[in-house]
Amino acid sequence: MNKKNQPHKRYKDEFKAEVLLLAEKIGVTKAADQLGLYGSQIYQWRATTEKRSNTREHESSLATENARLKREKADLEKEVEFLKRRRPTSQRTQSNAFPVH
């Protein structure tokens, strides 16, 4: 039975990962021929894997940025609270501060 007559088949992620490693070593066409797959199928698996990887990297970078912004926000809130505090006034009374002539 050749590739065209095979029914639609689902492959496990582990198998796909092994196929992608093999394709990286010997090339997509050779790997597809050895395993009875279509080259386009391997290219699609590669694209999907790269997209997932990029999404994870992006999420990780967003989480890092979010943590940094939360720290910065907390620092700014502390600064605002500090600036809101009443400052102690001078011990002298206002009439003693400037002599009147």
N, C-alpha and C. Protein backbone atom coordinates (compact mmCIF):
# COMPACT_ATOMS: atom_id res chain seq x y z
N MET A 1 0.85 -1.18 0.00
CA MET A 1 0.00 0.00 0.00
C MET A 1 0.90 1.24 0.00
N ASN A 2 0.71 2.14 -0.95
CA ASN A 2 1.53 3.34 -0.98
C ASN A 2 0.91 4.43 -0.10
N LYS A 3 1.61 5.57 -0.03
CA LYS A 3 1.19 6.65 0.87
C LYS A 3 -0.20 7.19 0.53
N LYS A 4 -0.54 7.25 -0.72
CA LYS A 4 -1.82 7.85 -1.12
C LYS A 4 -3.02 7.00 -0.71
N ASN A 5 -2.84 5.71 -0.58
CA ASN A 5 -3.95 4.83 -0.23
C ASN A 5 -4.12 4.62 1.27
N GLN A 6 -3.21 5.21 2.07
CA GLN A 6 -3.30 5.03 3.52
C GLN A 6 -4.41 5.91 4.09
N PRO A 7 -5.13 5.41 5.08
CA PRO A 7 -6.15 6.25 5.73
C PRO A 7 -5.47 7.34 6.57
N HIS A 8 -6.23 8.39 6.87
CA HIS A 8 -5.71 9.48 7.70
C HIS A 8 -5.28 8.92 9.06
N LYS A 9 -4.09 9.29 9.47
CA LYS A 9 -3.53 8.72 10.69
C LYS A 9 -3.10 9.85 11.62
N ARG A 10 -3.28 9.66 12.90
CA ARG A 10 -2.82 10.62 13.90
C ARG A 10 -1.57 10.07 14.55
N TYR A 11 -0.60 10.95 14.74
CA TYR A 11 0.67 10.54 15.33
C TYR A 11 0.85 11.21 16.69
N LYS A 12 1.51 10.50 17.59
CA LYS A 12 1.78 11.04 18.91
C LYS A 12 2.87 12.11 18.82
N ASP A 13 2.86 13.01 19.79
CA ASP A 13 3.85 14.09 19.81
C ASP A 13 5.28 13.55 19.90
N GLU A 14 5.46 12.44 20.62
CA GLU A 14 6.80 11.85 20.75
C GLU A 14 7.32 11.39 19.39
N PHE A 15 6.44 10.77 18.61
CA PHE A 15 6.82 10.32 17.28
C PHE A 15 7.18 11.52 16.39
N LYS A 16 6.36 12.55 16.47
CA LYS A 16 6.62 13.75 15.67
C LYS A 16 7.97 14.36 16.02
N ALA A 17 8.29 14.39 17.31
CA ALA A 17 9.57 14.94 17.75
C ALA A 17 10.73 14.12 17.20
N GLU A 18 10.59 12.80 17.22
CA GLU A 18 11.64 11.94 16.67
C GLU A 18 11.78 12.14 15.17
N VAL A 19 10.67 12.27 14.48
CA VAL A 19 10.70 12.51 13.03
C VAL A 19 11.41 13.83 12.73
N LEU A 20 11.11 14.85 13.51
CA LEU A 20 11.74 16.15 13.29
C LEU A 20 13.24 16.09 13.52
N LEU A 21 13.67 15.34 14.53
CA LEU A 21 15.11 15.17 14.76
C LEU A 21 15.77 14.44 13.60
N LEU A 22 15.13 13.39 13.12
CA LEU A 22 15.65 12.65 11.98
C LEU A 22 15.72 13.54 10.75
N ALA A 23 14.67 14.30 10.50
CA ALA A 23 14.63 15.20 9.34
C ALA A 23 15.72 16.26 9.43
N GLU A 24 16.03 16.67 10.64
CA GLU A 24 17.09 17.65 10.82
C GLU A 24 18.45 17.04 10.47
N LYS A 25 18.62 15.76 10.78
CA LYS A 25 19.90 15.08 10.51
C LYS A 25 20.07 14.71 9.05
N ILE A 26 19.04 14.09 8.46
CA ILE A 26 19.21 13.54 7.10
C ILE A 26 18.41 14.30 6.04
N GLY A 27 17.59 15.23 6.46
CA GLY A 27 16.77 15.99 5.51
C GLY A 27 15.33 15.52 5.51
N VAL A 28 14.46 16.42 5.17
CA VAL A 28 13.03 16.13 5.22
C VAL A 28 12.64 15.07 4.19
N THR A 29 13.14 15.20 2.98
CA THR A 29 12.75 14.26 1.92
C THR A 29 13.15 12.84 2.25
N LYS A 30 14.40 12.65 2.70
CA LYS A 30 14.86 11.30 3.04
C LYS A 30 14.09 10.74 4.22
N ALA A 31 13.86 11.58 5.24
CA ALA A 31 13.12 11.12 6.42
C ALA A 31 11.70 10.72 6.02
N ALA A 32 11.07 11.52 5.18
CA ALA A 32 9.71 11.21 4.74
C ALA A 32 9.67 9.90 3.97
N ASP A 33 10.64 9.69 3.08
CA ASP A 33 10.69 8.44 2.31
C ASP A 33 10.91 7.23 3.21
N GLN A 34 11.83 7.36 4.17
CA GLN A 34 12.13 6.24 5.07
C GLN A 34 10.92 5.86 5.92
N LEU A 35 10.16 6.85 6.32
CA LEU A 35 9.06 6.60 7.26
C LEU A 35 7.69 6.49 6.58
N GLY A 36 7.66 6.66 5.28
CA GLY A 36 6.39 6.57 4.57
C GLY A 36 5.47 7.75 4.84
N LEU A 37 6.06 8.91 5.01
CA LEU A 37 5.28 10.13 5.28
C LEU A 37 5.44 11.10 4.11
N TYR A 38 4.62 12.11 4.09
CA TYR A 38 4.78 13.19 3.12
C TYR A 38 5.73 14.23 3.70
N GLY A 39 6.55 14.79 2.84
CA GLY A 39 7.45 15.86 3.28
C GLY A 39 6.68 17.05 3.81
N SER A 40 5.56 17.36 3.17
CA SER A 40 4.75 18.50 3.61
C SER A 40 4.23 18.30 5.03
N GLN A 41 3.99 17.04 5.38
CA GLN A 41 3.53 16.73 6.73
C GLN A 41 4.62 17.08 7.75
N ILE A 42 5.85 16.72 7.41
CA ILE A 42 6.98 17.02 8.31
C ILE A 42 7.18 18.52 8.41
N TYR A 43 7.09 19.23 7.28
CA TYR A 43 7.22 20.69 7.32
C TYR A 43 6.13 21.32 8.18
N GLN A 44 4.93 20.78 8.10
CA GLN A 44 3.83 21.29 8.92
C GLN A 44 4.09 21.04 10.41
N TRP A 45 4.59 19.86 10.74
CA TRP A 45 4.92 19.56 12.14
C TRP A 45 6.01 20.51 12.64
N ARG A 46 6.98 20.78 11.79
CA ARG A 46 8.07 21.69 12.17
C ARG A 46 7.52 23.09 12.43
N ALA A 47 6.66 23.57 11.55
CA ALA A 47 6.08 24.91 11.71
C ALA A 47 5.26 24.99 13.00
N THR A 48 4.48 23.97 13.26
CA THR A 48 3.66 23.95 14.48
C THR A 48 4.53 23.95 15.72
N THR A 49 5.59 23.15 15.71
CA THR A 49 6.51 23.08 16.84
C THR A 49 7.19 24.42 17.08
N GLU A 50 7.64 25.07 16.00
CA GLU A 50 8.30 26.37 16.13
C GLU A 50 7.33 27.42 16.65
N LYS A 51 6.09 27.37 16.18
CA LYS A 51 5.08 28.33 16.64
C LYS A 51 4.83 28.17 18.13
N ARG A 52 4.71 26.91 18.59
CA ARG A 52 4.51 26.66 20.02
C ARG A 52 5.70 27.15 20.83
N SER A 53 6.89 26.92 20.32
CA SER A 53 8.11 27.34 21.00
C SER A 53 8.15 28.86 21.11
N ASN A 54 7.83 29.54 20.00
CA ASN A 54 7.83 31.01 20.01
C ASN A 54 6.78 31.55 20.96
N THR A 55 5.64 30.89 21.04
CA THR A 55 4.58 31.32 21.95
C THR A 55 5.04 31.18 23.39
N ARG A 56 5.70 30.07 23.72
CA ARG A 56 6.20 29.88 25.08
C ARG A 56 7.25 30.93 25.43
N GLU A 57 8.16 31.21 24.49
CA GLU A 57 9.18 32.22 24.73
C GLU A 57 8.54 33.59 24.94
N HIS A 58 7.54 33.89 24.14
CA HIS A 58 6.84 35.18 24.26
C HIS A 58 6.13 35.28 25.61
N GLU A 59 5.47 34.20 26.03
CA GLU A 59 4.79 34.19 27.32
C GLU A 59 5.79 34.35 28.46
N SER A 60 6.94 33.72 28.33
CA SER A 60 7.98 33.83 29.36
C SER A 60 8.48 35.27 29.44
N SER A 61 8.69 35.89 28.29
CA SER A 61 9.18 37.26 28.28
C SER A 61 8.12 38.21 28.84
N LEU A 62 6.84 37.94 28.56
CA LEU A 62 5.77 38.75 29.12
C LEU A 62 5.70 38.60 30.64
N ALA A 63 5.90 37.40 31.13
CA ALA A 63 5.87 37.16 32.57
C ALA A 63 7.01 37.91 33.25
N THR A 64 8.18 37.90 32.63
CA THR A 64 9.33 38.62 33.18
C THR A 64 9.05 40.12 33.20
N GLU A 65 8.53 40.64 32.11
CA GLU A 65 8.20 42.07 32.02
C GLU A 65 7.12 42.43 33.03
N ASN A 66 6.13 41.57 33.21
CA ASN A 66 5.06 41.81 34.17
C ASN A 66 5.62 41.89 35.59
N ALA A 67 6.52 40.99 35.94
CA ALA A 67 7.13 41.00 37.27
C ALA A 67 7.92 42.29 37.49
N ARG A 68 8.68 42.70 36.46
CA ARG A 68 9.46 43.94 36.56
C ARG A 68 8.54 45.14 36.77
N LEU A 69 7.45 45.20 36.02
CA LEU A 69 6.52 46.32 36.14
C LEU A 69 5.83 46.33 37.50
N LYS A 70 5.52 45.16 38.05
CA LYS A 70 4.92 45.10 39.38
C LYS A 70 5.88 45.65 40.44
N ARG A 71 7.18 45.28 40.31
CA ARG A 71 8.17 45.80 41.26
C ARG A 71 8.28 47.32 41.13
N GLU A 72 8.32 47.80 39.89
CA GLU A 72 8.42 49.24 39.66
C GLU A 72 7.20 49.97 40.22
N LYS A 73 6.01 49.39 40.03
CA LYS A 73 4.78 49.99 40.56
C LYS A 73 4.84 50.07 42.08
N ALA A 74 5.29 49.00 42.72
CA ALA A 74 5.39 49.00 44.18
C ALA A 74 6.36 50.07 44.66
N ASP A 75 7.49 50.21 43.97
CA ASP A 75 8.46 51.24 44.33
C ASP A 75 7.86 52.64 44.19
N LEU A 76 7.13 52.86 43.11
CA LEU A 76 6.52 54.17 42.88
C LEU A 76 5.42 54.45 43.91
N GLU A 77 4.67 53.42 44.30
CA GLU A 77 3.65 53.61 45.33
C GLU A 77 4.29 54.00 46.66
N LYS A 78 5.42 53.38 46.99
CA LYS A 78 6.13 53.74 48.22
C LYS A 78 6.61 55.19 48.15
N GLU A 79 7.10 55.59 46.99
CA GLU A 79 7.58 56.95 46.82
C GLU A 79 6.44 57.96 46.97
N VAL A 80 5.29 57.65 46.41
CA VAL A 80 4.12 58.54 46.53
C VAL A 80 3.70 58.65 47.99
N GLU A 81 3.65 57.53 48.70
CA GLU A 81 3.29 57.56 50.12
C GLU A 81 4.28 58.40 50.92
N PHE A 82 5.55 58.27 50.60
CA PHE A 82 6.57 59.05 51.29
C PHE A 82 6.35 60.54 51.04
N LEU A 83 6.06 60.89 49.81
CA LEU A 83 5.87 62.30 49.47
C LEU A 83 4.58 62.87 50.03
N LYS A 84 3.60 62.04 50.33
CA LYS A 84 2.33 62.49 50.90
C LYS A 84 2.46 62.80 52.39
N ARG A 85 3.44 62.23 53.04
CA ARG A 85 3.58 62.43 54.49
C ARG A 85 3.79 63.92 54.78
N ARG A 86 3.27 64.34 55.92
CA ARG A 86 3.48 65.74 56.34
C ARG A 86 4.92 65.89 56.78
N ARG A 87 5.48 66.94 56.33
CA ARG A 87 6.87 67.21 56.72
C ARG A 87 6.85 68.01 58.02
N PRO A 88 7.79 67.71 58.88
CA PRO A 88 7.83 68.47 60.14
C PRO A 88 8.17 69.94 59.85
N THR A 89 7.49 70.83 60.55
CA THR A 89 7.74 72.25 60.36
C THR A 89 8.82 72.71 61.31
N SER A 90 9.29 73.88 61.08
CA SER A 90 10.34 74.46 61.91
C SER A 90 9.80 74.68 63.33
N GLN A 91 10.68 74.63 64.31
CA GLN A 91 10.29 74.83 65.70
C GLN A 91 9.97 76.30 65.98
N ARG A 92 10.52 77.17 65.17
CA ARG A 92 10.25 78.60 65.39
C ARG A 92 8.84 78.94 64.95
N THR A 93 8.29 79.93 65.58
CA THR A 93 6.96 80.38 65.18
C THR A 93 7.10 81.28 63.96
N GLN A 94 6.02 81.50 63.31
CA GLN A 94 6.06 82.27 62.08
C GLN A 94 6.45 83.72 62.36
N SER A 95 6.05 84.26 63.48
CA SER A 95 6.37 85.66 63.78
C SER A 95 7.86 85.84 64.03
N ASN A 96 8.54 84.83 64.52
CA ASN A 96 9.97 84.92 64.75
C ASN A 96 10.78 84.66 63.48
N ALA A 97 10.18 84.09 62.49
CA ALA A 97 10.90 83.72 61.29
C ALA A 97 11.37 84.95 60.52
N PHE A 98 10.53 85.96 60.41
CA PHE A 98 10.90 87.16 59.67
C PHE A 98 10.63 88.38 60.56
N PRO A 99 11.67 89.08 60.88
CA PRO A 99 11.44 90.26 61.72
C PRO A 99 10.69 91.35 60.93
N VAL A 100 9.80 92.02 61.61
CA VAL A 100 9.04 93.09 60.98
C VAL A 100 9.68 94.41 61.38
N HIS A 101 9.88 95.30 60.46
CA HIS A 101 10.51 96.59 60.76
C HIS A 101 9.50 97.66 60.92
